[in-house]
Amino acid sequence: MHSVKNRFLLRMKNITGDLYWRNFFSITARDIVVIGCCLIWEHTSLRAFAFLFGNWRSVMEKRREIMRRRRVSDEYMADWFAFEPVSKPAPKKFAAALTPTRATKQR
């Protein structure tokens, strides 16, 4: 139940319309499988949908806050959903934190 709930919560709060349409077929096909499995085999997971509908207003409030604070574009996010792996360099502020210090080199 929590897996199904979190799957849809994540998308409701974070995905934009443009990003959804870019990945429409893969997202929708997987959602159909999840919903179908809930209806056929895993009936206890149907409670996830009751939770989502019951908490719609608070989820949308969280979404507005998340979208207000977003830092990356849909173009950047689209790379995360590509069918082929994409390797990008680490941001400089993180790369500096990952380099060994003089004290660790002496050991």
Protein backbone atom coordinates (compact mmCIF):
# COMPACT_ATOMS: atom_id res chain seq x y z
CA MET A 1 0.00 0.00 0.00
CA HIS A 2 2.77 2.43 0.91
CA SER A 3 4.67 1.69 -2.27
CA VAL A 4 1.64 2.50 -4.40
CA LYS A 5 0.85 5.60 -2.31
CA ASN A 6 4.42 6.90 -2.53
CA ARG A 7 4.60 6.26 -6.26
CA PHE A 8 1.66 8.54 -6.93
CA LEU A 9 2.52 11.06 -4.19
CA LEU A 10 5.97 11.54 -5.67
CA ARG A 11 4.54 12.27 -9.06
CA MET A 12 1.71 14.47 -7.81
CA LYS A 13 4.12 16.66 -5.89
CA ASN A 14 7.07 16.79 -8.28
CA ILE A 15 6.36 16.18 -11.95
CA THR A 16 5.38 18.98 -14.31
CA GLY A 17 2.99 18.59 -17.22
CA ASP A 18 5.80 18.91 -19.75
CA LEU A 19 7.88 16.21 -18.09
CA TYR A 20 4.85 13.94 -17.83
CA TRP A 21 4.08 14.31 -21.55
CA ARG A 22 7.68 13.57 -22.49
CA ASN A 23 7.39 10.22 -20.71
CA PHE A 24 3.65 9.68 -21.14
CA PHE A 25 3.70 6.14 -22.51
CA SER A 26 6.19 4.65 -20.06
CA ILE A 27 4.57 6.34 -17.04
CA THR A 28 1.01 5.53 -18.06
CA ALA A 29 1.77 1.93 -18.99
CA ARG A 30 3.40 1.33 -15.62
CA ASP A 31 0.52 3.03 -13.78
CA ILE A 32 -1.99 0.80 -15.58
CA VAL A 33 -0.03 -2.25 -14.45
CA VAL A 34 0.09 -0.97 -10.84
CA ILE A 35 -3.63 -0.19 -10.76
CA GLY A 36 -4.47 -3.50 -12.45
CA CYS A 37 -2.41 -5.46 -9.95
CA CYS A 38 -4.11 -3.65 -7.09
CA LEU A 39 -7.52 -4.51 -8.50
CA ILE A 40 -6.71 -8.14 -9.28
CA TRP A 41 -4.22 -9.34 -6.64
CA GLU A 42 -3.21 -6.82 -4.03
CA HIS A 43 -6.54 -5.44 -2.78
CA THR A 44 -5.01 -3.99 0.38
CA SER A 45 -3.05 -1.54 -1.78
CA LEU A 46 -6.28 0.07 -2.93
CA ARG A 47 -6.19 2.02 0.36
CA ALA A 48 -3.42 4.09 -1.22
CA PHE A 49 -5.93 5.66 -3.61
CA ALA A 50 -8.31 6.51 -0.76
CA PHE A 51 -5.39 8.21 1.00
CA LEU A 52 -4.48 10.20 -2.14
CA PHE A 53 -8.03 11.42 -2.72
CA GLY A 54 -8.58 12.15 0.98
CA ASN A 55 -5.39 14.21 1.21
CA TRP A 56 -5.59 15.89 -2.19
CA ARG A 57 -5.72 19.43 -0.82
CA SER A 58 -2.66 19.09 1.43
CA VAL A 59 -0.71 17.30 -1.31
CA MET A 60 -1.46 20.15 -3.72
CA GLU A 61 -0.33 22.69 -1.11
CA LYS A 62 2.98 20.82 -0.79
CA ARG A 63 3.25 20.73 -4.58
CA ARG A 64 2.85 24.50 -4.81
CA GLU A 65 5.62 24.96 -2.25
CA ILE A 66 7.91 22.50 -4.05
CA MET A 67 7.29 24.14 -7.43
CA ARG A 68 7.92 27.58 -5.92
CA ARG A 69 11.34 26.44 -4.67
CA ARG A 70 12.41 24.38 -7.66
CA ARG A 71 15.96 24.93 -8.84
CA VAL A 72 16.25 22.95 -12.07
CA SER A 73 14.47 23.08 -15.40
CA ASP A 74 12.37 20.40 -17.06
CA GLU A 75 15.21 19.95 -19.56
CA TYR A 76 17.57 18.94 -16.77
CA MET A 77 15.01 16.63 -15.18
CA ALA A 78 14.23 14.98 -18.52
CA ASP A 79 17.77 13.61 -18.60
CA TRP A 80 16.98 11.60 -15.45
CA PHE A 81 14.24 9.76 -17.31
CA ALA A 82 16.19 9.03 -20.50
CA PHE A 83 16.28 5.45 -21.71
CA GLU A 84 20.06 5.62 -22.11
CA PRO A 85 22.34 6.44 -19.16
CA VAL A 86 23.66 9.99 -19.06
CA SER A 87 26.84 10.86 -17.21
CA LYS A 88 27.36 14.43 -16.10
CA PRO A 89 30.21 15.97 -14.13
CA ALA A 90 29.60 16.67 -10.46
CA PRO A 91 28.98 20.31 -9.54
CA LYS A 92 32.20 22.02 -8.44
CA LYS A 93 31.08 22.63 -4.86
CA PHE A 94 30.45 18.89 -4.43
CA ALA A 95 33.54 17.83 -6.34
CA ALA A 96 35.72 19.88 -3.96
CA ALA A 97 34.17 18.10 -0.99
CA LEU A 98 34.97 14.72 -2.53
CA THR A 99 38.67 15.33 -3.16
CA PRO A 100 40.94 13.83 -0.49
CA THR A 101 42.54 16.24 1.93
CA ARG A 102 46.24 16.30 2.76
CA ALA A 103 45.59 14.54 6.10
CA THR A 104 43.87 11.57 4.43
CA LYS A 105 46.61 11.30 1.78
CA GLN A 106 49.32 10.86 4.47
CA ARG A 107 47.67 7.81 6.01
